[in-house]
PDB file of N, CA and C in Angstrom:
ATOM      1  N   MET A   1      91.573  70.893 138.308  1.00  0.00           N
ATOM      2  CA  MET A   1      90.340  71.200 137.602  1.00  0.00           C
ATOM      3  C   MET A   1      89.717  69.897 137.101  1.00  0.00           C
ATOM      4  N   ALA A   2      88.424  69.811 137.209  1.00  0.00           N
ATOM      5  CA  ALA A   2      87.705  68.608 136.795  1.00  0.00           C
ATOM      6  C   ALA A   2      87.767  68.454 135.277  1.00  0.00           C
ATOM      7  N   ASP A   3      87.693  67.222 134.837  1.00  0.00           N
ATOM      8  CA  ASP A   3      87.686  66.944 133.407  1.00  0.00           C
ATOM      9  C   ASP A   3      86.422  67.534 132.790  1.00  0.00           C
ATOM     10  N   GLN A   4      86.570  68.401 131.806  1.00  0.00           N
ATOM     11  CA  GLN A   4      85.440  69.118 131.239  1.00  0.00           C
ATOM     12  C   GLN A   4      84.926  68.508 129.928  1.00  0.00           C
ATOM     13  N   ARG A   5      85.429  67.354 129.562  1.00  0.00           N
ATOM     14  CA  ARG A   5      84.960  66.726 128.328  1.00  0.00           C
ATOM     15  C   ARG A   5      83.656  65.977 128.575  1.00  0.00           C
ATOM     16  N   PHE A   6      82.974  65.638 127.503  1.00  0.00           N
ATOM     17  CA  PHE A   6      81.762  64.834 127.586  1.00  0.00           C
ATOM     18  C   PHE A   6      81.889  63.708 126.558  1.00  0.00           C
ATOM     19  N   PRO A   7      82.759  62.725 126.867  1.00  0.00           N
ATOM     20  CA  PRO A   7      83.041  61.662 125.901  1.00  0.00           C
ATOM     21  C   PRO A   7      81.850  60.728 125.704  1.00  0.00           C
ATOM     22  N   ARG A   8      81.938  59.960 124.671  1.00  0.00           N
ATOM     23  CA  ARG A   8      80.875  59.006 124.346  1.00  0.00           C
ATOM     24  C   ARG A   8      80.591  58.047 125.503  1.00  0.00           C
ATOM     25  N   ALA A   9      81.621  57.685 126.239  1.00  0.00           N
ATOM     26  CA  ALA A   9      81.464  56.760 127.371  1.00  0.00           C
ATOM     27  C   ALA A   9      80.650  57.378 128.507  1.00  0.00           C
ATOM     28  N   ALA A  10      80.472  58.696 128.512  1.00  0.00           N
ATOM     29  CA  ALA A  10      79.722  59.379 129.567  1.00  0.00           C
ATOM     30  C   ALA A  10      78.273  59.629 129.165  1.00  0.00           C
ATOM     31  N   ARG A  11      77.858  59.067 128.048  1.00  0.00           N
ATOM     32  CA  ARG A  11      76.491  59.297 127.550  1.00  0.00           C
ATOM     33  C   ARG A  11      75.692  58.003 127.550  1.00  0.00           C
ATOM     34  N   LEU A  12      74.431  58.109 127.882  1.00  0.00           N
ATOM     35  CA  LEU A  12      73.514  56.985 127.689  1.00  0.00           C
ATOM     36  C   LEU A  12      73.021  57.095 126.257  1.00  0.00           C
ATOM     37  N   LEU A  13      73.250  56.067 125.469  1.00  0.00           N
ATOM     38  CA  LEU A  13      72.887  56.127 124.061  1.00  0.00           C
ATOM     39  C   LEU A  13      71.884  55.053 123.644  1.00  0.00           C
ATOM     40  N   ALA A  14      71.999  53.871 124.214  1.00  0.00           N
ATOM     41  CA  ALA A  14      71.175  52.742 123.788  1.00  0.00           C
ATOM     42  C   ALA A  14      69.813  52.762 124.493  1.00  0.00           C
ATOM     43  N   LYS A  15      68.799  52.344 123.766  1.00  0.00           N
ATOM     44  CA  LYS A  15      67.448  52.284 124.312  1.00  0.00           C
ATOM     45  C   LYS A  15      67.393  51.395 125.548  1.00  0.00           C
ATOM     46  N   ARG A  16      68.116  50.304 125.532  1.00  0.00           N
ATOM     47  CA  ARG A  16      68.097  49.393 126.680  1.00  0.00           C
ATOM     48  C   ARG A  16      68.659  50.047 127.939  1.00  0.00           C
ATOM     49  N   ASP A  17      69.627  50.948 127.777  1.00  0.00           N
ATOM     50  CA  ASP A  17      70.171  51.670 128.934  1.00  0.00           C
ATOM     51  C   ASP A  17      69.150  52.661 129.493  1.00  0.00           C
ATOM     52  N   PHE A  18      68.443  53.358 128.592  1.00  0.00           N
ATOM     53  CA  PHE A  18      67.393  54.269 129.032  1.00  0.00           C
ATOM     54  C   PHE A  18      66.280  53.497 129.727  1.00  0.00           C
ATOM     55  N   ASP A  19      65.871  52.373 129.129  1.00  0.00           N
ATOM     56  CA  ASP A  19      64.809  51.552 129.717  1.00  0.00           C
ATOM     57  C   ASP A  19      65.202  51.049 131.104  1.00  0.00           C
ATOM     58  N   ALA A  20      66.448  50.599 131.242  1.00  0.00           N
ATOM     59  CA  ALA A  20      66.920  50.116 132.548  1.00  0.00           C
ATOM     60  C   ALA A  20      66.916  51.243 133.570  1.00  0.00           C
ATOM     61  N   ALA A  21      67.305  52.433 133.151  1.00  0.00           N
ATOM     62  CA  ALA A  21      67.318  53.579 134.070  1.00  0.00           C
ATOM     63  C   ALA A  21      65.900  53.965 134.472  1.00  0.00           C
ATOM     64  N   PHE A  22      64.958  53.888 133.546  1.00  0.00           N
ATOM     65  CA  PHE A  22      63.578  54.238 133.872  1.00  0.00           C
ATOM     66  C   PHE A  22      62.924  53.184 134.764  1.00  0.00           C
ATOM     67  N   GLU A  23      63.251  51.914 134.567  1.00  0.00           N
ATOM     68  CA  GLU A  23      62.607  50.835 135.321  1.00  0.00           C
ATOM     69  C   GLU A  23      63.183  50.642 136.723  1.00  0.00           C
ATOM     70  N   ALA A  24      64.497  50.590 136.832  1.00  0.00           N
ATOM     71  CA  ALA A  24      65.126  50.223 138.095  1.00  0.00           C
ATOM     72  C   ALA A  24      65.709  51.423 138.832  1.00  0.00           C
ATOM     73  N   ALA A  25      65.194  52.595 138.557  1.00  0.00           N
ATOM     74  CA  ALA A  25      65.832  53.800 139.080  1.00  0.00           C
ATOM     75  C   ALA A  25      65.107  54.399 140.269  1.00  0.00           C
ATOM     76  N   SER A  26      65.854  55.190 141.002  1.00  0.00           N
ATOM     77  CA  SER A  26      65.256  56.076 142.000  1.00  0.00           C
ATOM     78  C   SER A  26      64.840  57.333 141.254  1.00  0.00           C
ATOM     79  N   ARG A  27      63.729  57.915 141.656  1.00  0.00           N
ATOM     80  CA  ARG A  27      63.209  59.084 140.946  1.00  0.00           C
ATOM     81  C   ARG A  27      63.239  60.300 141.858  1.00  0.00           C
ATOM     82  N   PHE A  28      63.664  61.410 141.283  1.00  0.00           N
ATOM     83  CA  PHE A  28      63.719  62.666 142.011  1.00  0.00           C
ATOM     84  C   PHE A  28      63.120  63.748 141.131  1.00  0.00           C
ATOM     85  N   ARG A  29      62.429  64.704 141.773  1.00  0.00           N
ATOM     86  CA  ARG A  29      61.775  65.770 141.026  1.00  0.00           C
ATOM     87  C   ARG A  29      62.160  67.122 141.581  1.00  0.00           C
ATOM     88  N   SER A  30      62.101  68.100 140.695  1.00  0.00           N
ATOM     89  CA  SER A  30      62.215  69.495 141.099  1.00  0.00           C
ATOM     90  C   SER A  30      61.027  70.211 140.453  1.00  0.00           C
ATOM     91  N   ALA A  31      61.047  71.498 140.442  1.00  0.00           N
ATOM     92  CA  ALA A  31      59.931  72.259 139.874  1.00  0.00           C
ATOM     93  C   ALA A  31      59.742  71.973 138.384  1.00  0.00           C
ATOM     94  N   HIS A  32      60.826  71.719 137.664  1.00  0.00           N
ATOM     95  CA  HIS A  32      60.738  71.538 136.216  1.00  0.00           C
ATOM     96  C   HIS A  32      61.255  70.199 135.703  1.00  0.00           C
ATOM     97  N   PHE A  33      62.110  69.533 136.482  1.00  0.00           N
ATOM     98  CA  PHE A  33      62.793  68.348 135.983  1.00  0.00           C
ATOM     99  C   PHE A  33      62.457  67.103 136.792  1.00  0.00           C
ATOM    100  N   ARG A  34      62.633  65.973 136.126  1.00  0.00           N
ATOM    101  CA  ARG A  34      62.535  64.663 136.755  1.00  0.00           C
ATOM    102  C   ARG A  34      63.851  63.956 136.427  1.00  0.00           C
ATOM    103  N   VAL A  35      64.468  63.367 137.436  1.00  0.00           N
ATOM    104  CA  VAL A  35      65.727  62.659 137.244  1.00  0.00           C
ATOM    105  C   VAL A  35      65.543  61.224 137.708  1.00  0.00           C
ATOM    106  N   ASN A  36      65.903  60.289 136.849  1.00  0.00           N
ATOM    107  CA  ASN A  36      65.920  58.874 137.193  1.00  0.00           C
ATOM    108  C   ASN A  36      67.376  58.474 137.356  1.00  0.00           C
ATOM    109  N   VAL A  37      67.700  57.878 138.488  1.00  0.00           N
ATOM    110  CA  VAL A  37      69.078  57.510 138.785  1.00  0.00           C
ATOM    111  C   VAL A  37      69.138  56.016 139.060  1.00  0.00           C
ATOM    112  N   ARG A  38      70.040  55.349 138.360  1.00  0.00           N
ATOM    113  CA  ARG A  38      70.243  53.914 138.557  1.00  0.00           C
ATOM    114  C   ARG A  38      71.684  53.696 138.987  1.00  0.00           C
ATOM    115  N   ALA A  39      71.872  52.987 140.069  1.00  0.00           N
ATOM    116  CA  ALA A  39      73.218  52.697 140.561  1.00  0.00           C
ATOM    117  C   ALA A  39      73.871  51.648 139.667  1.00  0.00           C
ATOM    118  N   THR A  40      75.110  51.917 139.289  1.00  0.00           N
ATOM    119  CA  THR A  40      75.914  50.986 138.493  1.00  0.00           C
ATOM    120  C   THR A  40      77.312  50.977 139.084  1.00  0.00           C
ATOM    121  N   GLY A  41      78.139  50.105 138.622  1.00  0.00           N
ATOM    122  CA  GLY A  41      79.523  50.094 139.074  1.00  0.00           C
ATOM    123  C   GLY A  41      80.437  50.868 138.142  1.00  0.00           C
ATOM    124  N   ALA A  42      79.877  51.415 137.091  1.00  0.00           N
ATOM    125  CA  ALA A  42      80.645  52.093 136.046  1.00  0.00           C
ATOM    126  C   ALA A  42      80.727  53.600 136.308  1.00  0.00           C
ATOM    127  N   PRO A  43      81.550  54.308 135.561  1.00  0.00           N
ATOM    128  CA  PRO A  43      81.572  55.768 135.671  1.00  0.00           C
ATOM    129  C   PRO A  43      80.199  56.360 135.349  1.00  0.00           C
ATOM    130  N   ALA A  44      79.976  57.562 135.819  1.00  0.00           N
ATOM    131  CA  ALA A  44      78.676  58.224 135.635  1.00  0.00           C
ATOM    132  C   ALA A  44      78.372  58.432 134.152  1.00  0.00           C
ATOM    133  N   ARG A  45      77.100  58.225 133.801  1.00  0.00           N
ATOM    134  CA  ARG A  45      76.638  58.478 132.434  1.00  0.00           C
ATOM    135  C   ARG A  45      75.369  59.306 132.508  1.00  0.00           C
ATOM    136  N   LEU A  46      75.179  60.167 131.501  1.00  0.00           N
ATOM    137  CA  LEU A  46      74.034  61.066 131.451  1.00  0.00           C
ATOM    138  C   LEU A  46      73.199  60.778 130.220  1.00  0.00           C
ATOM    139  N   GLY A  47      71.886  60.705 130.412  1.00  0.00           N
ATOM    140  CA  GLY A  47      70.945  60.575 129.316  1.00  0.00           C
ATOM    141  C   GLY A  47      69.950  61.727 129.389  1.00  0.00           C
ATOM    142  N   LEU A  48      69.563  62.238 128.237  1.00  0.00           N
ATOM    143  CA  LEU A  48      68.634  63.361 128.186  1.00  0.00           C
ATOM    144  C   LEU A  48      67.407  62.958 127.387  1.00  0.00           C
ATOM    145  N   ALA A  49      66.240  63.132 127.988  1.00  0.00           N
ATOM    146  CA  ALA A  49      64.973  62.794 127.344  1.00  0.00           C
ATOM    147  C   ALA A  49      64.050  64.005 127.480  1.00  0.00           C
ATOM    148  N   ILE A  50      64.215  64.967 126.589  1.00  0.00           N
ATOM    149  CA  ILE A  50      63.448  66.207 126.640  1.00  0.00           C
ATOM    150  C   ILE A  50      62.333  66.101 125.605  1.00  0.00           C
ATOM    151  N   ALA A  51      61.106  65.971 126.064  1.00  0.00           N
ATOM    152  CA  ALA A  51      59.963  65.716 125.184  1.00  0.00           C
ATOM    153  C   ALA A  51      59.533  66.963 124.424  1.00  0.00           C
ATOM    154  N   LYS A  52      59.228  66.755 123.166  1.00  0.00           N
ATOM    155  CA  LYS A  52      58.762  67.843 122.307  1.00  0.00           C
ATOM    156  C   LYS A  52      57.406  68.363 122.765  1.00  0.00           C
ATOM    157  N   ARG A  53      56.588  67.508 123.347  1.00  0.00           N
ATOM    158  CA  ARG A  53      55.264  67.955 123.790  1.00  0.00           C
ATOM    159  C   ARG A  53      55.343  68.867 125.010  1.00  0.00           C
ATOM    160  N   VAL A  54      56.447  68.809 125.766  1.00  0.00           N
ATOM    161  CA  VAL A  54      56.621  69.660 126.937  1.00  0.00           C
ATOM    162  C   VAL A  54      57.356  70.950 126.558  1.00  0.00           C
ATOM    163  N   VAL A  55      58.396  70.828 125.744  1.00  0.00           N
ATOM    164  CA  VAL A  55      59.171  71.980 125.281  1.00  0.00           C
ATOM    165  C   VAL A  55      59.116  71.964 123.764  1.00  0.00           C
ATOM    166  N   ALA A  56      58.260  72.800 123.203  1.00  0.00           N
ATOM    167  CA  ALA A  56      57.943  72.727 121.782  1.00  0.00           C
ATOM    168  C   ALA A  56      59.080  73.151 120.857  1.00  0.00           C
ATOM    169  N   LEU A  57      59.793  74.195 121.196  1.00  0.00           N
ATOM    170  CA  LEU A  57      60.831  74.710 120.302  1.00  0.00           C
ATOM    171  C   LEU A  57      62.127  73.909 120.423  1.00  0.00           C
ATOM    172  N   ALA A  58      62.682  73.544 119.276  1.00  0.00           N
ATOM    173  CA  ALA A  58      63.935  72.797 119.258  1.00  0.00           C
ATOM    174  C   ALA A  58      65.052  73.595 119.914  1.00  0.00           C
ATOM    175  N   SER A  59      65.075  74.892 119.706  1.00  0.00           N
ATOM    176  CA  SER A  59      66.130  75.716 120.303  1.00  0.00           C
ATOM    177  C   SER A  59      66.039  75.695 121.833  1.00  0.00           C
ATOM    178  N   ALA A  60      64.842  75.662 122.363  1.00  0.00           N
ATOM    179  CA  ALA A  60      64.656  75.599 123.820  1.00  0.00           C
ATOM    180  C   ALA A  60      65.074  74.231 124.353  1.00  0.00           C
ATOM    181  N   ARG A  61      64.738  73.163 123.632  1.00  0.00           N
ATOM    182  CA  ARG A  61      65.168  71.818 124.043  1.00  0.00           C
ATOM    183  C   ARG A  61      66.684  71.718 124.029  1.00  0.00           C
ATOM    184  N   ASN A  62      67.311  72.257 122.996  1.00  0.00           N
ATOM    185  CA  ASN A  62      68.771  72.219 122.899  1.00  0.00           C
ATOM    186  C   ASN A  62      69.423  73.033 124.013  1.00  0.00           C
ATOM    187  N   ARG A  63      68.831  74.156 124.377  1.00  0.00           N
ATOM    188  CA  ARG A  63      69.346  74.983 125.471  1.00  0.00           C
ATOM    189  C   ARG A  63      69.319  74.197 126.783  1.00  0.00           C
ATOM    190  N   ILE A  64      68.221  73.505 127.037  1.00  0.00           N
ATOM    191  CA  ILE A  64      68.094  72.706 128.257  1.00  0.00           C
ATOM    192  C   ILE A  64      69.144  71.596 128.269  1.00  0.00           C
ATOM    193  N   LYS A  65      69.322  70.917 127.151  1.00  0.00           N
ATOM    194  CA  LYS A  65      70.316  69.847 127.060  1.00  0.00           C
ATOM    195  C   LYS A  65      71.725  70.391 127.280  1.00  0.00           C
ATOM    196  N   ARG A  66      72.012  71.529 126.685  1.00  0.00           N
ATOM    197  CA  ARG A  66      73.330  72.141 126.839  1.00  0.00           C
ATOM    198  C   ARG A  66      73.629  72.458 128.307  1.00  0.00           C
ATOM    199  N   HIS A  67      72.652  73.043 128.986  1.00  0.00           N
ATOM    200  CA  HIS A  67      72.842  73.366 130.402  1.00  0.00           C
ATOM    201  C   HIS A  67      72.978  72.100 131.248  1.00  0.00           C
ATOM    202  N   ALA A  68      72.232  71.066 130.938  1.00  0.00           N
ATOM    203  CA  ALA A  68      72.333  69.804 131.686  1.00  0.00           C
ATOM    204  C   ALA A  68      73.730  69.208 131.529  1.00  0.00           C
ATOM    205  N   ARG A  69      74.264  69.238 130.312  1.00  0.00           N
ATOM    206  CA  ARG A  69      75.625  68.725 130.095  1.00  0.00           C
ATOM    207  C   ARG A  69      76.659  69.577 130.816  1.00  0.00           C
ATOM    208  N   GLU A  70      76.473  70.899 130.824  1.00  0.00           N
ATOM    209  CA  GLU A  70      77.407  71.797 131.507  1.00  0.00           C
ATOM    210  C   GLU A  70      77.427  71.538 133.014  1.00  0.00           C
ATOM    211  N   VAL A  71      76.285  71.232 133.588  1.00  0.00           N
ATOM    212  CA  VAL A  71      76.220  70.931 135.019  1.00  0.00           C
ATOM    213  C   VAL A  71      76.831  69.563 135.291  1.00  0.00           C
ATOM    214  N   PHE A  72      76.598  68.604 134.412  1.00  0.00           N
ATOM    215  CA  PHE A  72      77.070  67.236 134.608  1.00  0.00           C
ATOM    216  C   PHE A  72      78.592  67.119 134.546  1.00  0.00           C
ATOM    217  N   ARG A  73      79.228  67.821 133.624  1.00  0.00           N
ATOM    218  CA  ARG A  73      80.669  67.651 133.400  1.00  0.00           C
ATOM    219  C   ARG A  73      81.512  67.810 134.656  1.00  0.00           C
ATOM    220  N   PRO A  74      81.424  68.929 135.375  1.00  0.00           N
ATOM    221  CA  PRO A  74      82.282  69.047 136.559  1.00  0.00           C
ATOM    222  C   PRO A  74      81.870  68.127 137.716  1.00  0.00           C
ATOM    223  N   LEU A  75      80.627  67.649 137.710  1.00  0.00           N
ATOM    224  CA  LEU A  75      80.145  66.766 138.781  1.00  0.00           C
ATOM    225  C   LEU A  75      80.341  65.291 138.457  1.00  0.00           C
ATOM    226  N   ARG A  76      80.889  64.993 137.309  1.00  0.00           N
ATOM    227  CA  ARG A  76      80.970  63.609 136.837  1.00  0.00           C
ATOM    228  C   ARG A  76      81.673  62.688 137.827  1.00  0.00           C
ATOM    229  N   ALA A  77      82.769  63.127 138.410  1.00  0.00           N
ATOM    230  CA  ALA A  77      83.478  62.284 139.374  1.00  0.00           C
ATOM    231  C   ALA A  77      82.646  62.067 140.630  1.00  0.00           C
ATOM    232  N   GLU A  78      81.931  63.087 141.045  1.00  0.00           N
ATOM    233  CA  GLU A  78      81.072  63.010 142.236  1.00  0.00           C
ATOM    234  C   GLU A  78      79.868  62.087 142.003  1.00  0.00           C
ATOM    235  N   LEU A  79      79.425  62.004 140.748  1.00  0.00           N
ATOM    236  CA  LEU A  79      78.252  61.204 140.391  1.00  0.00           C
ATOM    237  C   LEU A  79      78.631  59.793 139.952  1.00  0.00           C
ATOM    238  N   ALA A  80      79.888  59.425 140.091  1.00  0.00           N
ATOM    239  CA  ALA A  80      80.380  58.122 139.617  1.00  0.00           C
ATOM    240  C   ALA A  80      79.547  56.979 140.185  1.00  0.00           C
ATOM    241  N   GLY A  81      79.360  55.966 139.350  1.00  0.00           N
ATOM    242  CA  GLY A  81      78.594  54.797 139.764  1.00  0.00           C
ATOM    243  C   GLY A  81      77.105  54.928 139.532  1.00  0.00           C
ATOM    244  N   HIS A  82      76.687  55.933 138.750  1.00  0.00           N
ATOM    245  CA  HIS A  82      75.259  56.155 138.512  1.00  0.00           C
ATOM    246  C   HIS A  82      74.995  56.474 137.045  1.00  0.00           C
ATOM    247  N   ASP A  83      73.865  55.966 136.554  1.00  0.00           N
ATOM    248  CA  ASP A  83      73.315  56.387 135.273  1.00  0.00           C
ATOM    249  C   ASP A  83      72.195  57.361 135.595  1.00  0.00           C
ATOM    250  N   ILE A  84      72.223  58.527 134.968  1.00  0.00           N
ATOM    251  CA  ILE A  84      71.256  59.582 135.262  1.00  0.00           C
ATOM    252  C   ILE A  84      70.525  59.944 133.989  1.00  0.00           C
ATOM    253  N   VAL A  85      69.200  59.920 134.043  1.00  0.00           N
ATOM    254  CA  VAL A  85      68.377  60.343 132.911  1.00  0.00           C
ATOM    255  C   VAL A  85      67.566  61.553 133.354  1.00  0.00           C
ATOM    256  N   VAL A  86      67.718  62.651 132.611  1.00  0.00           N
ATOM    257  CA  VAL A  86      67.007  63.894 132.899  1.00  0.00           C
ATOM    258  C   VAL A  86      65.852  64.023 131.927  1.00  0.00           C
ATOM    259  N   SER A  87      64.658  64.289 132.461  1.00  0.00           N
ATOM    260  CA  SER A  87      63.503  64.586 131.628  1.00  0.00           C
ATOM    261  C   SER A  87      62.808  65.824 132.198  1.00  0.00           C
ATOM    262  N   VAL A  88      61.964  66.423 131.390  1.00  0.00           N
ATOM    263  CA  VAL A  88      61.278  67.653 131.773  1.00  0.00           C
ATOM    264  C   VAL A  88      59.803  67.347 131.953  1.00  0.00           C
ATOM    265  N   HIS A  89      59.217  67.805 133.072  1.00  0.00           N
ATOM    266  CA  HIS A  89      57.779  67.614 133.258  1.00  0.00           C
ATOM    267  C   HIS A  89      57.024  68.942 133.238  1.00  0.00           C
ATOM    268  N   ALA A  90      57.734  70.063 133.353  1.00  0.00           N
ATOM    269  CA  ALA A  90      57.138  71.395 133.226  1.00  0.00           C
ATOM    270  C   ALA A  90      58.155  72.259 132.505  1.00  0.00           C
ATOM    271  N   SER A  91      57.729  72.987 131.521  1.00  0.00           N
ATOM    272  CA  SER A  91      58.650  73.746 130.679  1.00  0.00           C
ATOM    273  C   SER A  91      59.430  74.801 131.464  1.00  0.00           C
ATOM    274  N   PRO A  92      60.766  74.699 131.456  1.00  0.00           N
ATOM    275  CA  PRO A  92      61.600  75.677 132.147  1.00  0.00           C
ATOM    276  C   PRO A  92      62.082  76.805 131.239  1.00  0.00           C
ATOM    277  N   VAL A  93      61.372  77.056 130.153  1.00  0.00           N
ATOM    278  CA  VAL A  93      61.805  78.040 129.162  1.00  0.00           C
ATOM    279  C   VAL A  93      61.937  79.432 129.775  1.00  0.00           C
ATOM    280  N   ALA A  94      61.105  79.773 130.742  1.00  0.00           N
ATOM    281  CA  ALA A  94      61.139  81.101 131.343  1.00  0.00           C
ATOM    282  C   ALA A  94      62.331  81.305 132.276  1.00  0.00           C
ATOM    283  N   LEU A  95      62.990  80.238 132.692  1.00  0.00           N
ATOM    284  CA  LEU A  95      64.139  80.358 133.591  1.00  0.00           C
ATOM    285  C   LEU A  95      65.359  80.883 132.850  1.00  0.00           C
ATOM    286  N   ASP A  96      66.136  81.718 133.532  1.00  0.00           N
ATOM    287  CA  ASP A  96      67.409  82.132 132.940  1.00  0.00           C
ATOM    288  C   ASP A  96      68.422  81.004 133.145  1.00  0.00           C
ATOM    289  N   GLY A  97      69.570  81.123 132.487  1.00  0.00           N
ATOM    290  CA  GLY A  97      70.566  80.058 132.519  1.00  0.00           C
ATOM    291  C   GLY A  97      71.065  79.716 133.904  1.00  0.00           C
ATOM    292  N   ALA A  98      71.294  80.730 134.737  1.00  0.00           N
ATOM    293  CA  ALA A  98      71.821  80.489 136.085  1.00  0.00           C
ATOM    294  C   ALA A  98      70.820  79.711 136.932  1.00  0.00           C
ATOM    295  N   ALA A  99      69.557  80.071 136.852  1.00  0.00           N
ATOM    296  CA  ALA A  99      68.523  79.374 137.624  1.00  0.00           C
ATOM    297  C   ALA A  99      68.368  77.931 137.139  1.00  0.00           C
ATOM    298  N   LEU A 100      68.449  77.748 135.837  1.00  0.00           N
ATOM    299  CA  LEU A 100      68.350  76.416 135.245  1.00  0.00           C
ATOM    300  C   LEU A 100      69.493  75.530 135.746  1.00  0.00           C
ATOM    301  N   LYS A 101      70.705  76.061 135.735  1.00  0.00           N
ATOM    302  CA  LYS A 101      71.867  75.304 136.197  1.00  0.00           C
ATOM    303  C   LYS A 101      71.775  75.002 137.688  1.00  0.00           C
ATOM    304  N   ARG A 102      71.324  75.973 138.481  1.00  0.00           N
ATOM    305  CA  ARG A 102      71.187  75.761 139.928  1.00  0.00           C
ATOM    306  C   ARG A 102      70.206  74.634 140.226  1.00  0.00           C
ATOM    307  N   GLU A 103      69.073  74.652 139.525  1.00  0.00           N
ATOM    308  CA  GLU A 103      68.057  73.616 139.749  1.00  0.00           C
ATOM    309  C   GLU A 103      68.592  72.235 139.379  1.00  0.00           C
ATOM    310  N   LEU A 104      69.290  72.136 138.248  1.00  0.00           N
ATOM    311  CA  LEU A 104      69.847  70.858 137.828  1.00  0.00           C
ATOM    312  C   LEU A 104      70.949  70.378 138.766  1.00  0.00           C
ATOM    313  N   GLU A 105      71.829  71.281 139.186  1.00  0.00           N
ATOM    314  CA  GLU A 105      72.911  70.892 140.084  1.00  0.00           C
ATOM    315  C   GLU A 105      72.365  70.391 141.417  1.00  0.00           C
ATOM    316  N   THR A 106      71.384  71.086 141.958  1.00  0.00           N
ATOM    317  CA  THR A 106      70.765  70.663 143.207  1.00  0.00           C
ATOM    318  C   THR A 106      70.135  69.284 143.056  1.00  0.00           C
ATOM    319  N   LEU A 107      69.459  69.075 141.948  1.00  0.00           N
ATOM    320  CA  LEU A 107      68.801  67.796 141.688  1.00  0.00           C
ATOM    321  C   LEU A 107      69.825  66.668 141.523  1.00  0.00           C
ATOM    322  N   PHE A 108      70.916  66.918 140.788  1.00  0.00           N
ATOM    323  CA  PHE A 108      71.960  65.903 140.610  1.00  0.00           C
ATOM    324  C   PHE A 108      72.575  65.523 141.955  1.00  0.00           C
ATOM    325  N   ARG A 109      72.933  66.523 142.748  1.00  0.00           N
ATOM    326  CA  ARG A 109      73.581  66.243 144.040  1.00  0.00           C
ATOM    327  C   ARG A 109      72.631  65.504 144.984  1.00  0.00           C
ATOM    328  N   ARG A 110      71.360  65.901 144.993  1.00  0.00           N
ATOM    329  CA  ARG A 110      70.371  65.258 145.864  1.00  0.00           C
ATOM    330  C   ARG A 110      70.135  63.804 145.439  1.00  0.00           C
ATOM    331  N   SER A 111      70.170  63.557 144.147  1.00  0.00           N
ATOM    332  CA  SER A 111      69.859  62.223 143.650  1.00  0.00           C
ATOM    333  C   SER A 111      70.934  61.187 143.990  1.00  0.00           C
ATOM    334  N   VAL A 112      72.185  61.580 144.082  1.00  0.00           N
ATOM    335  CA  VAL A 112      73.230  60.606 144.392  1.00  0.00           C
ATOM    336  C   VAL A 112      73.633  60.631 145.861  1.00  0.00           C
ATOM    337  N   ALA A 113      73.083  61.558 146.632  1.00  0.00           N
ATOM    338  CA  ALA A 113      73.416  61.641 148.061  1.00  0.00           C
ATOM    339  C   ALA A 113      72.833  60.484 148.854  1.00  0.00           C
ATOM    340  N   ARG A 114      71.802  59.855 148.343  1.00  0.00           N
ATOM    341  CA  ARG A 114      71.155  58.748 149.048  1.00  0.00           C
ATOM    342  C   ARG A 114      71.984  57.511 149.051  1.00  0.00           C
TER     343      ARG A 114
END
């Protein structure tokens, strides 16, 4: 079974890491999400940038973040060597949890397949 933890080392926390991912990254889009992926030699790290202007309710933003982390955890070994930043460009509030996870998983796998 894959490691299901989300330790501090698996998170993008510093502004400079987010900036580097936004500047030097490959960009991938789906119907609701935008993913910036930067190749690194380190284990996979996830950053979440869910804008309040796109998803107004804090509970909805937290739901999206929770689902993104749930999708990332089992794929972490597969995504190794990449920093991934997830942002929202169209509100996915109407999606149920399964559809949200499917869209994110497809986007994560597509982004590192290149």
